[in-house]
Amino acid sequence: MDKSEVTLERMRTFVRVAERASLSAVARELGVGQSTVTRHLRELEDALGVPLLSRTTRRVTLTEEGGGYYANCVQILRLVEQAGDEALGARGAPAGTIRISCTAALGVLHVSRLIFAFQDRYPEIGVDLSLTDERIDLVREGVDIALRLGPLSDSSMKVRSLGESRRLLVAAPAYLAKRGRPSVPEDLSSHEGIRMSNIAGSDRLVLRGSDGSHGEASFRGRLRVDHGLAAREALVAGRGIAPAHRWLVDDLLADGRLEIVLRGHAPPSVPLSMLIVPERAGISRVRMLVEFLTEGIGGIPGIDRS
């Protein structure tokens, strides 16, 4: 083995190809040509004397040797980054980049402001904020931290509970003046509902009574959207009634552009969680952002601490 050919750059390229299973995706991510990615892999395999990846026209998979080498590379690269963090920490200047994924509407309205405040405190730290409602693979997408609303599936990520996101039924005063105000859940069947197309079963609305009771109501309407900010705009425009997270509409309720409907009933709260890639959890700048967000999210309207 020619150890001089086993460089950190080639290791990083190999690790990202293994995680993304795509040479072209990694080339775009690194800002290099695909030929550079191919060359890094070839040079690394030549230096080791074993094939690490099996490549066809349709997919890239790890060989048996590649699987073991990948696990070792991840640990080596993590230690290298932690060593760099410690060196920077010695001079009191945390630096580097953190990649965070967040539910889109929550990110736009609230989390982005927390990120701004974090960077004001730590000006040498870069943040890549990705806003999406899709449940992405954190390792594959190179994300360090993700903020997720809703129940979590089985995961190898570290999970920190941030609380429960309170929801309520709301509508614009103009809509209620035109269509009338529902007084019991059953009245919702005769109203226009603004529904989320990316939520299964949105034609039935589960409601919890102030007395602790639970029930379902029929919930239909002509408008379906797949983004919380679109639902917010539709509510203000008087297009109907919708269940909404308190943080999504708190300012609209405060200035009277929306009103709470059926005060004695509300949709169940939704858990808000932070997922952290275990291999990144020990990096100082990631730990700092985790703690900063944990504290700051407690100030978002409608987030009830566990």
C-alpha atoms as a PDB file:
ATOM      1  CA  MET A   1       0.000   0.000   0.000  1.00  0.00           C
ATOM      2  CA  ASP A   2       1.306   3.453  -0.931  1.00  0.00           C
ATOM      3  CA  LYS A   3       0.332   5.398   2.202  1.00  0.00           C
ATOM      4  CA  SER A   4       1.132   8.706   0.504  1.00  0.00           C
ATOM      5  CA  GLU A   5      -1.915   8.200  -1.714  1.00  0.00           C
ATOM      6  CA  VAL A   6      -4.277   7.727   1.269  1.00  0.00           C
ATOM      7  CA  THR A   7      -5.174  11.363   1.890  1.00  0.00           C
ATOM      8  CA  LEU A   8      -7.953  12.922   3.975  1.00  0.00           C
ATOM      9  CA  GLU A   9      -9.367  14.513   0.826  1.00  0.00           C
ATOM     10  CA  ARG A  10      -9.740  11.121  -0.838  1.00  0.00           C
ATOM     11  CA  MET A  11     -11.198   9.639   2.341  1.00  0.00           C
ATOM     12  CA  ARG A  12     -13.813  12.411   2.499  1.00  0.00           C
ATOM     13  CA  THR A  13     -14.735  11.872  -1.138  1.00  0.00           C
ATOM     14  CA  PHE A  14     -15.085   8.122  -0.564  1.00  0.00           C
ATOM     15  CA  VAL A  15     -17.226   8.599   2.560  1.00  0.00           C
ATOM     16  CA  ARG A  16     -19.630  10.981   0.825  1.00  0.00           C
ATOM     17  CA  VAL A  17     -19.957   8.699  -2.225  1.00  0.00           C
ATOM     18  CA  ALA A  18     -20.673   5.775   0.105  1.00  0.00           C
ATOM     19  CA  GLU A  19     -23.348   7.817   1.883  1.00  0.00           C
ATOM     20  CA  ARG A  20     -24.975   9.381  -1.166  1.00  0.00           C
ATOM     21  CA  ALA A  21     -24.520   6.420  -3.523  1.00  0.00           C
ATOM     22  CA  SER A  22     -23.980   8.864  -6.375  1.00  0.00           C
ATOM     23  CA  LEU A  23     -20.784  10.245  -7.880  1.00  0.00           C
ATOM     24  CA  SER A  24     -22.574  13.110  -9.612  1.00  0.00           C
ATOM     25  CA  ALA A  25     -24.342  14.193  -6.398  1.00  0.00           C
ATOM     26  CA  VAL A  26     -21.056  14.268  -4.504  1.00  0.00           C
ATOM     27  CA  ALA A  27     -19.385  16.207  -7.324  1.00  0.00           C
ATOM     28  CA  ARG A  28     -22.106  18.874  -7.075  1.00  0.00           C
ATOM     29  CA  GLU A  29     -21.834  18.924  -3.297  1.00  0.00           C
ATOM     30  CA  LEU A  30     -18.047  19.396  -3.370  1.00  0.00           C
ATOM     31  CA  GLY A  31     -18.120  21.829  -6.273  1.00  0.00           C
ATOM     32  CA  VAL A  32     -15.833  19.725  -8.474  1.00  0.00           C
ATOM     33  CA  GLY A  33     -16.196  17.787 -11.697  1.00  0.00           C
ATOM     34  CA  GLN A  34     -17.332  14.174 -11.600  1.00  0.00           C
ATOM     35  CA  SER A  35     -13.992  13.192 -13.104  1.00  0.00           C
ATOM     36  CA  THR A  36     -12.288  14.526  -9.951  1.00  0.00           C
ATOM     37  CA  VAL A  37     -14.505  12.366  -7.735  1.00  0.00           C
ATOM     38  CA  THR A  38     -13.771   9.331  -9.928  1.00  0.00           C
ATOM     39  CA  ARG A  39     -10.030  10.038  -9.777  1.00  0.00           C
ATOM     40  CA  HIS A  40     -10.055  10.343  -5.968  1.00  0.00           C
ATOM     41  CA  LEU A  41     -11.791   6.972  -5.669  1.00  0.00           C
ATOM     42  CA  ARG A  42      -9.475   5.276  -8.143  1.00  0.00           C
ATOM     43  CA  GLU A  43      -6.351   6.627  -6.452  1.00  0.00           C
ATOM     44  CA  LEU A  44      -7.616   5.539  -3.035  1.00  0.00           C
ATOM     45  CA  GLU A  45      -8.459   2.026  -4.249  1.00  0.00           C
ATOM     46  CA  ASP A  46      -5.085   1.764  -6.014  1.00  0.00           C
ATOM     47  CA  ALA A  47      -3.278   2.814  -2.836  1.00  0.00           C
ATOM     48  CA  LEU A  48      -5.171   0.277  -0.713  1.00  0.00           C
ATOM     49  CA  GLY A  49      -5.058  -2.486  -3.291  1.00  0.00           C
ATOM     50  CA  VAL A  50      -8.723  -3.469  -2.759  1.00  0.00           C
ATOM     51  CA  PRO A  51     -11.999  -2.388  -4.419  1.00  0.00           C
ATOM     52  CA  LEU A  52     -14.074  -0.189  -2.115  1.00  0.00           C
ATOM     53  CA  LEU A  53     -17.102   0.447  -4.309  1.00  0.00           C
ATOM     54  CA  SER A  54     -19.032  -1.525  -6.866  1.00  0.00           C
ATOM     55  CA  ARG A  55     -20.137   0.854  -9.617  1.00  0.00           C
ATOM     56  CA  THR A  56     -22.685   0.218 -12.351  1.00  0.00           C
ATOM     57  CA  THR A  57     -24.532   2.629 -14.623  1.00  0.00           C
ATOM     58  CA  ARG A  58     -27.433   2.720 -12.149  1.00  0.00           C
ATOM     59  CA  ARG A  59     -26.009   2.447  -8.638  1.00  0.00           C
ATOM     60  CA  VAL A  60     -22.982   2.627  -6.388  1.00  0.00           C
ATOM     61  CA  THR A  61     -22.638   0.156  -3.510  1.00  0.00           C
ATOM     62  CA  LEU A  62     -19.956  -0.694  -0.969  1.00  0.00           C
ATOM     63  CA  THR A  63     -17.948  -3.862  -1.358  1.00  0.00           C
ATOM     64  CA  GLU A  64     -17.314  -6.001   1.721  1.00  0.00           C
ATOM     65  CA  GLU A  65     -13.897  -4.368   2.116  1.00  0.00           C
ATOM     66  CA  GLY A  66     -15.421  -0.977   1.450  1.00  0.00           C
ATOM     67  CA  GLY A  67     -17.963  -1.364   4.262  1.00  0.00           C
ATOM     68  CA  GLY A  68     -15.290  -1.911   6.883  1.00  0.00           C
ATOM     69  CA  TYR A  69     -13.084   0.830   5.470  1.00  0.00           C
ATOM     70  CA  TYR A  70     -16.012   3.278   5.437  1.00  0.00           C
ATOM     71  CA  ALA A  71     -16.664   2.770   9.171  1.00  0.00           C
ATOM     72  CA  ASN A  72     -12.998   3.383   9.955  1.00  0.00           C
ATOM     73  CA  CYS A  73     -12.861   6.470   7.723  1.00  0.00           C
ATOM     74  CA  VAL A  74     -15.860   8.007   9.489  1.00  0.00           C
ATOM     75  CA  GLN A  75     -14.109   7.633  12.833  1.00  0.00           C
ATOM     76  CA  ILE A  76     -10.811   9.003  11.484  1.00  0.00           C
ATOM     77  CA  LEU A  77     -12.453  12.052   9.901  1.00  0.00           C
ATOM     78  CA  ARG A  78     -14.443  12.734  13.082  1.00  0.00           C
ATOM     79  CA  LEU A  79     -11.255  12.661  15.152  1.00  0.00           C
ATOM     80  CA  VAL A  80      -9.503  14.974  12.679  1.00  0.00           C
ATOM     81  CA  GLU A  81     -12.367  17.467  12.899  1.00  0.00           C
ATOM     82  CA  GLN A  82     -12.488  17.284  16.685  1.00  0.00           C
ATOM     83  CA  ALA A  83      -8.734  17.891  16.849  1.00  0.00           C
ATOM     84  CA  GLY A  84      -9.192  20.967  14.696  1.00  0.00           C
ATOM     85  CA  ASP A  85     -12.019  22.153  16.949  1.00  0.00           C
ATOM     86  CA  GLU A  86      -9.841  21.796  20.024  1.00  0.00           C
ATOM     87  CA  ALA A  87      -7.035  23.757  18.366  1.00  0.00           C
ATOM     88  CA  LEU A  88      -9.425  26.546  17.436  1.00  0.00           C
ATOM     89  CA  GLY A  89     -11.005  26.425  20.878  1.00  0.00           C
ATOM     90  CA  ALA A  90      -7.603  27.049  22.424  1.00  0.00           C
ATOM     91  CA  ARG A  91      -7.553  30.450  20.765  1.00  0.00           C
ATOM     92  CA  GLY A  92     -11.188  31.075  21.718  1.00  0.00           C
ATOM     93  CA  ALA A  93     -12.580  31.225  18.197  1.00  0.00           C
ATOM     94  CA  PRO A  94     -15.018  28.389  17.327  1.00  0.00           C
ATOM     95  CA  ALA A  95     -15.195  28.022  13.560  1.00  0.00           C
ATOM     96  CA  GLY A  96     -16.372  25.745  10.770  1.00  0.00           C
ATOM     97  CA  THR A  97     -19.726  24.971   9.197  1.00  0.00           C
ATOM     98  CA  ILE A  98     -22.850  23.327  10.629  1.00  0.00           C
ATOM     99  CA  ARG A  99     -25.566  21.884   8.422  1.00  0.00           C
ATOM    100  CA  ILE A 100     -29.101  21.947   9.806  1.00  0.00           C
ATOM    101  CA  SER A 101     -32.405  20.755   8.341  1.00  0.00           C
ATOM    102  CA  CYS A 102     -35.710  22.128   9.580  1.00  0.00           C
ATOM    103  CA  THR A 103     -39.431  21.962   8.846  1.00  0.00           C
ATOM    104  CA  ALA A 104     -39.935  24.726   6.289  1.00  0.00           C
ATOM    105  CA  ALA A 105     -42.499  27.043   7.891  1.00  0.00           C
ATOM    106  CA  LEU A 106     -40.970  26.776  11.370  1.00  0.00           C
ATOM    107  CA  GLY A 107     -37.575  27.517   9.867  1.00  0.00           C
ATOM    108  CA  VAL A 108     -38.712  30.601   7.973  1.00  0.00           C
ATOM    109  CA  LEU A 109     -40.738  32.150  10.793  1.00  0.00           C
ATOM    110  CA  HIS A 110     -38.668  31.300  13.860  1.00  0.00           C
ATOM    111  CA  VAL A 111     -35.562  29.114  13.562  1.00  0.00           C
ATOM    112  CA  SER A 112     -33.863  31.390  11.027  1.00  0.00           C
ATOM    113  CA  ARG A 113     -33.917  34.200  13.609  1.00  0.00           C
ATOM    114  CA  LEU A 114     -32.276  31.933  16.160  1.00  0.00           C
ATOM    115  CA  ILE A 115     -29.593  31.096  13.590  1.00  0.00           C
ATOM    116  CA  PHE A 116     -28.961  34.807  13.024  1.00  0.00           C
ATOM    117  CA  ALA A 117     -28.513  35.337  16.774  1.00  0.00           C
ATOM    118  CA  PHE A 118     -26.187  32.320  17.009  1.00  0.00           C
ATOM    119  CA  GLN A 119     -23.973  33.676  14.237  1.00  0.00           C
ATOM    120  CA  ASP A 120     -23.915  37.115  15.850  1.00  0.00           C
ATOM    121  CA  ARG A 121     -22.508  35.428  18.955  1.00  0.00           C
ATOM    122  CA  TYR A 122     -20.125  33.163  17.008  1.00  0.00           C
ATOM    123  CA  PRO A 123     -19.188  35.047  13.818  1.00  0.00           C
ATOM    124  CA  GLU A 124     -16.646  32.442  12.653  1.00  0.00           C
ATOM    125  CA  ILE A 125     -19.247  29.651  12.442  1.00  0.00           C
ATOM    126  CA  GLY A 126     -21.030  29.113   9.133  1.00  0.00           C
ATOM    127  CA  VAL A 127     -24.522  27.610   8.995  1.00  0.00           C
ATOM    128  CA  ASP A 128     -26.153  25.861   6.040  1.00  0.00           C
ATOM    129  CA  LEU A 129     -29.911  25.928   6.757  1.00  0.00           C
ATOM    130  CA  SER A 130     -32.009  23.575   4.623  1.00  0.00           C
ATOM    131  CA  LEU A 131     -35.792  24.015   4.819  1.00  0.00           C
ATOM    132  CA  THR A 132     -37.852  20.982   3.878  1.00  0.00           C
ATOM    133  CA  ASP A 133     -40.852  19.036   5.165  1.00  0.00           C
ATOM    134  CA  GLU A 134     -39.425  15.790   3.762  1.00  0.00           C
ATOM    135  CA  ARG A 135     -37.926  13.225   6.126  1.00  0.00           C
ATOM    136  CA  ILE A 136     -34.447  13.254   4.641  1.00  0.00           C
ATOM    137  CA  ASP A 137     -31.596  10.861   5.454  1.00  0.00           C
ATOM    138  CA  LEU A 138     -29.328  13.062   7.573  1.00  0.00           C
ATOM    139  CA  VAL A 139     -26.114  11.128   6.944  1.00  0.00           C
ATOM    140  CA  ARG A 140     -26.712  10.835   3.221  1.00  0.00           C
ATOM    141  CA  GLU A 141     -27.438  14.565   2.883  1.00  0.00           C
ATOM    142  CA  GLY A 142     -24.500  15.582   5.074  1.00  0.00           C
ATOM    143  CA  VAL A 143     -26.719  17.181   7.739  1.00  0.00           C
ATOM    144  CA  ASP A 144     -25.564  17.544  11.368  1.00  0.00           C
ATOM    145  CA  ILE A 145     -28.844  18.505  13.070  1.00  0.00           C
ATOM    146  CA  ALA A 146     -32.518  18.241  12.086  1.00  0.00           C
ATOM    147  CA  LEU A 147     -35.621  19.742  13.699  1.00  0.00           C
ATOM    148  CA  ARG A 148     -38.659  17.518  13.157  1.00  0.00           C
ATOM    149  CA  LEU A 149     -42.354  17.888  13.913  1.00  0.00           C
ATOM    150  CA  GLY A 150     -44.385  14.744  14.499  1.00  0.00           C
ATOM    151  CA  PRO A 151     -43.659  11.209  15.645  1.00  0.00           C
ATOM    152  CA  LEU A 152     -40.276   9.762  14.761  1.00  0.00           C
ATOM    153  CA  SER A 153     -39.646   6.427  13.118  1.00  0.00           C
ATOM    154  CA  ASP A 154     -36.899   4.132  14.356  1.00  0.00           C
ATOM    155  CA  SER A 155     -33.665   6.014  13.979  1.00  0.00           C
ATOM    156  CA  SER A 156     -29.977   5.658  14.723  1.00  0.00           C
ATOM    157  CA  MET A 157     -29.809   9.389  15.441  1.00  0.00           C
ATOM    158  CA  LYS A 158     -29.455  10.960  18.861  1.00  0.00           C
ATOM    159  CA  VAL A 159     -32.831  12.464  19.763  1.00  0.00           C
ATOM    160  CA  ARG A 160     -33.575  15.399  22.050  1.00  0.00           C
ATOM    161  CA  SER A 161     -37.204  16.236  22.833  1.00  0.00           C
ATOM    162  CA  LEU A 162     -37.873  19.973  22.572  1.00  0.00           C
ATOM    163  CA  GLY A 163     -41.499  19.877  23.705  1.00  0.00           C
ATOM    164  CA  GLU A 164     -44.960  19.789  22.177  1.00  0.00           C
ATOM    165  CA  SER A 165     -46.234  22.158  19.486  1.00  0.00           C
ATOM    166  CA  ARG A 166     -49.741  23.306  20.428  1.00  0.00           C
ATOM    167  CA  ARG A 167     -52.346  23.498  17.658  1.00  0.00           C
ATOM    168  CA  LEU A 168     -55.729  25.187  17.327  1.00  0.00           C
ATOM    169  CA  LEU A 169     -58.486  25.803  14.792  1.00  0.00           C
ATOM    170  CA  VAL A 170     -58.443  29.251  13.208  1.00  0.00           C
ATOM    171  CA  ALA A 171     -60.154  31.264  10.492  1.00  0.00           C
ATOM    172  CA  ALA A 172     -60.310  34.862   9.265  1.00  0.00           C
ATOM    173  CA  PRO A 173     -63.061  37.130  10.669  1.00  0.00           C
ATOM    174  CA  ALA A 174     -64.304  37.796   7.114  1.00  0.00           C
ATOM    175  CA  TYR A 175     -64.770  34.073   6.491  1.00  0.00           C
ATOM    176  CA  LEU A 176     -66.651  33.590   9.759  1.00  0.00           C
ATOM    177  CA  ALA A 177     -68.858  36.609   9.062  1.00  0.00           C
ATOM    178  CA  LYS A 178     -69.783  35.138   5.668  1.00  0.00           C
ATOM    179  CA  ARG A 179     -70.144  31.449   6.544  1.00  0.00           C
ATOM    180  CA  GLY A 180     -71.025  31.557  10.228  1.00  0.00           C
ATOM    181  CA  ARG A 181     -69.110  30.392  13.279  1.00  0.00           C
ATOM    182  CA  PRO A 182     -69.188  26.662  14.095  1.00  0.00           C
ATOM    183  CA  SER A 183     -70.359  25.994  17.658  1.00  0.00           C
ATOM    184  CA  VAL A 184     -69.759  22.218  17.824  1.00  0.00           C
ATOM    185  CA  PRO A 185     -67.285  19.991  15.944  1.00  0.00           C
ATOM    186  CA  GLU A 186     -70.067  18.518  13.801  1.00  0.00           C
ATOM    187  CA  ASP A 187     -70.590  21.971  12.244  1.00  0.00           C
ATOM    188  CA  LEU A 188     -67.196  21.696  10.517  1.00  0.00           C
ATOM    189  CA  SER A 189     -68.652  19.362   7.859  1.00  0.00           C
ATOM    190  CA  SER A 190     -70.528  22.313   6.324  1.00  0.00           C
ATOM    191  CA  HIS A 191     -67.458  24.585   6.219  1.00  0.00           C
ATOM    192  CA  GLU A 192     -64.536  25.018   3.859  1.00  0.00           C
ATOM    193  CA  GLY A 193     -61.463  23.333   5.302  1.00  0.00           C
ATOM    194  CA  ILE A 194     -57.908  24.184   4.266  1.00  0.00           C
ATOM    195  CA  ARG A 195     -56.189  20.801   4.226  1.00  0.00           C
ATOM    196  CA  MET A 196     -52.590  19.629   4.018  1.00  0.00           C
ATOM    197  CA  SER A 197     -52.065  17.352   1.010  1.00  0.00           C
ATOM    198  CA  ASN A 198     -48.914  15.807   2.522  1.00  0.00           C
ATOM    199  CA  ILE A 199     -50.780  14.530   5.600  1.00  0.00           C
ATOM    200  CA  ALA A 200     -52.708  11.285   5.231  1.00  0.00           C
ATOM    201  CA  GLY A 201     -56.310  11.288   6.434  1.00  0.00           C
ATOM    202  CA  SER A 202     -56.681  15.066   6.393  1.00  0.00           C
ATOM    203  CA  ASP A 203     -60.407  14.680   5.583  1.00  0.00           C
ATOM    204  CA  ARG A 204     -60.978  13.673   9.224  1.00  0.00           C
ATOM    205  CA  LEU A 205     -59.999  16.029  12.013  1.00  0.00           C
ATOM    206  CA  VAL A 206     -59.146  14.624  15.438  1.00  0.00           C
ATOM    207  CA  LEU A 207     -60.154  17.051  18.182  1.00  0.00           C
ATOM    208  CA  ARG A 208     -59.495  17.049  21.916  1.00  0.00           C
ATOM    209  CA  GLY A 209     -62.052  18.672  24.182  1.00  0.00           C
ATOM    210  CA  SER A 210     -61.155  20.909  27.109  1.00  0.00           C
ATOM    211  CA  ASP A 211     -62.621  18.182  29.340  1.00  0.00           C
ATOM    212  CA  GLY A 212     -60.100  15.676  28.025  1.00  0.00           C
ATOM    213  CA  SER A 213     -62.477  13.967  25.606  1.00  0.00           C
ATOM    214  CA  HIS A 214     -61.454  13.005  22.071  1.00  0.00           C
ATOM    215  CA  GLY A 215     -63.508  12.884  18.899  1.00  0.00           C
ATOM    216  CA  GLU A 216     -63.368  13.134  15.136  1.00  0.00           C
ATOM    217  CA  ALA A 217     -65.068  15.538  12.769  1.00  0.00           C
ATOM    218  CA  SER A 218     -65.478  15.450   9.007  1.00  0.00           C
ATOM    219  CA  PHE A 219     -63.186  18.021   7.429  1.00  0.00           C
ATOM    220  CA  ARG A 220     -63.384  18.749   3.732  1.00  0.00           C
ATOM    221  CA  GLY A 221     -62.659  21.639   1.419  1.00  0.00           C
ATOM    222  CA  ARG A 222     -61.696  22.634  -2.090  1.00  0.00           C
ATOM    223  CA  LEU A 223     -58.166  23.780  -1.225  1.00  0.00           C
ATOM    224  CA  ARG A 224     -55.263  21.511  -0.316  1.00  0.00           C
ATOM    225  CA  VAL A 225     -51.691  22.755   0.128  1.00  0.00           C
ATOM    226  CA  ASP A 226     -48.387  21.079   0.958  1.00  0.00           C
ATOM    227  CA  HIS A 227     -46.693  23.932   2.818  1.00  0.00           C
ATOM    228  CA  GLY A 228     -47.505  25.629   6.111  1.00  0.00           C
ATOM    229  CA  LEU A 229     -46.838  29.119   4.743  1.00  0.00           C
ATOM    230  CA  ALA A 230     -49.348  28.503   1.942  1.00  0.00           C
ATOM    231  CA  ALA A 231     -51.942  27.469   4.553  1.00  0.00           C
ATOM    232  CA  ARG A 232     -51.172  30.655   6.472  1.00  0.00           C
ATOM    233  CA  GLU A 233     -51.789  32.811   3.396  1.00  0.00           C
ATOM    234  CA  ALA A 234     -54.998  30.939   2.598  1.00  0.00           C
ATOM    235  CA  LEU A 235     -56.291  31.545   6.120  1.00  0.00           C
ATOM    236  CA  VAL A 236     -55.615  35.279   5.938  1.00  0.00           C
ATOM    237  CA  ALA A 237     -57.344  35.397   2.546  1.00  0.00           C
ATOM    238  CA  GLY A 238     -60.484  33.934   4.117  1.00  0.00           C
ATOM    239  CA  ARG A 239     -60.423  30.645   2.222  1.00  0.00           C
ATOM    240  CA  GLY A 240     -61.632  28.576   5.158  1.00  0.00           C
ATOM    241  CA  ILE A 241     -60.903  27.031   8.545  1.00  0.00           C
ATOM    242  CA  ALA A 242     -57.687  25.137   9.277  1.00  0.00           C
ATOM    243  CA  PRO A 243     -55.835  23.474  12.142  1.00  0.00           C
ATOM    244  CA  ALA A 244     -52.615  25.419  12.690  1.00  0.00           C
ATOM    245  CA  HIS A 245     -49.607  25.355  14.961  1.00  0.00           C
ATOM    246  CA  ARG A 246     -49.711  28.286  17.371  1.00  0.00           C
ATOM    247  CA  TRP A 247     -46.262  29.448  16.185  1.00  0.00           C
ATOM    248  CA  LEU A 248     -47.562  29.597  12.594  1.00  0.00           C
ATOM    249  CA  VAL A 249     -50.373  32.059  13.344  1.00  0.00           C
ATOM    250  CA  ASP A 250     -49.570  33.728  16.676  1.00  0.00           C
ATOM    251  CA  ASP A 251     -48.898  37.134  15.131  1.00  0.00           C
ATOM    252  CA  LEU A 252     -52.064  36.927  13.016  1.00  0.00           C
ATOM    253  CA  LEU A 253     -54.147  36.171  16.092  1.00  0.00           C
ATOM    254  CA  ALA A 254     -52.533  39.053  17.975  1.00  0.00           C
ATOM    255  CA  ASP A 255     -53.440  41.643  15.327  1.00  0.00           C
ATOM    256  CA  GLY A 256     -56.925  40.272  14.689  1.00  0.00           C
ATOM    257  CA  ARG A 257     -56.388  38.904  11.191  1.00  0.00           C
ATOM    258  CA  LEU A 258     -57.335  35.449  12.445  1.00  0.00           C
ATOM    259  CA  GLU A 259     -59.593  34.175  15.212  1.00  0.00           C
ATOM    260  CA  ILE A 260     -59.719  30.946  17.175  1.00  0.00           C
ATOM    261  CA  VAL A 261     -62.627  28.671  16.236  1.00  0.00           C
ATOM    262  CA  LEU A 262     -64.234  26.159  18.626  1.00  0.00           C
ATOM    263  CA  ARG A 263     -62.290  27.291  21.684  1.00  0.00           C
ATOM    264  CA  GLY A 264     -63.377  24.238  23.631  1.00  0.00           C
ATOM    265  CA  HIS A 265     -61.810  21.885  21.101  1.00  0.00           C
ATOM    266  CA  ALA A 266     -58.344  21.671  19.523  1.00  0.00           C
ATOM    267  CA  PRO A 267     -56.261  19.221  17.478  1.00  0.00           C
ATOM    268  CA  PRO A 268     -53.739  17.271  19.582  1.00  0.00           C
ATOM    269  CA  SER A 269     -50.306  18.783  20.063  1.00  0.00           C
ATOM    270  CA  VAL A 270     -47.408  17.520  17.936  1.00  0.00           C
ATOM    271  CA  PRO A 271     -43.983  16.558  19.333  1.00  0.00           C
ATOM    272  CA  LEU A 272     -41.013  18.696  18.297  1.00  0.00           C
ATOM    273  CA  SER A 273     -37.666  16.888  18.327  1.00  0.00           C
ATOM    274  CA  MET A 274     -34.043  17.547  17.497  1.00  0.00           C
ATOM    275  CA  LEU A 275     -32.102  14.793  15.738  1.00  0.00           C
ATOM    276  CA  ILE A 276     -28.311  14.838  15.904  1.00  0.00           C
ATOM    277  CA  VAL A 277     -26.000  12.646  13.845  1.00  0.00           C
ATOM    278  CA  PRO A 278     -24.057  10.681  16.505  1.00  0.00           C
ATOM    279  CA  GLU A 279     -20.709  11.052  14.714  1.00  0.00           C
ATOM    280  CA  ARG A 280     -21.178  14.844  14.721  1.00  0.00           C
ATOM    281  CA  ALA A 281     -22.504  15.238  18.267  1.00  0.00           C
ATOM    282  CA  GLY A 282     -19.029  15.526  19.803  1.00  0.00           C
ATOM    283  CA  ILE A 283     -17.933  18.429  17.583  1.00  0.00           C
ATOM    284  CA  SER A 284     -17.855  21.592  19.673  1.00  0.00           C
ATOM    285  CA  ARG A 285     -19.650  23.908  17.242  1.00  0.00           C
ATOM    286  CA  VAL A 286     -22.432  21.342  16.793  1.00  0.00           C
ATOM    287  CA  ARG A 287     -22.797  21.004  20.576  1.00  0.00           C
ATOM    288  CA  MET A 288     -22.955  24.784  20.874  1.00  0.00           C
ATOM    289  CA  LEU A 289     -25.748  25.094  18.311  1.00  0.00           C
ATOM    290  CA  VAL A 290     -27.671  22.201  19.886  1.00  0.00           C
ATOM    291  CA  GLU A 291     -27.669  23.980  23.260  1.00  0.00           C
ATOM    292  CA  PHE A 292     -28.432  27.373  21.716  1.00  0.00           C
ATOM    293  CA  LEU A 293     -31.437  26.045  19.793  1.00  0.00           C
ATOM    294  CA  THR A 294     -32.700  24.014  22.752  1.00  0.00           C
ATOM    295  CA  GLU A 295     -32.831  27.169  24.848  1.00  0.00           C
ATOM    296  CA  GLY A 296     -34.134  29.463  22.104  1.00  0.00           C
ATOM    297  CA  ILE A 297     -36.922  27.200  20.869  1.00  0.00           C
ATOM    298  CA  GLY A 298     -38.510  27.389  24.310  1.00  0.00           C
ATOM    299  CA  GLY A 299     -39.393  30.996  23.490  1.00  0.00           C
ATOM    300  CA  ILE A 300     -41.342  30.172  20.320  1.00  0.00           C
ATOM    301  CA  PRO A 301     -45.108  30.718  20.791  1.00  0.00           C
ATOM    302  CA  GLY A 302     -47.021  27.509  21.382  1.00  0.00           C
ATOM    303  CA  ILE A 303     -44.033  25.265  22.148  1.00  0.00           C
ATOM    304  CA  ASP A 304     -44.802  23.625  25.489  1.00  0.00           C
ATOM    305  CA  ARG A 305     -41.822  22.077  27.218  1.00  0.00           C
ATOM    306  CA  SER A 306     -42.174  18.403  28.137  1.00  0.00           C
END
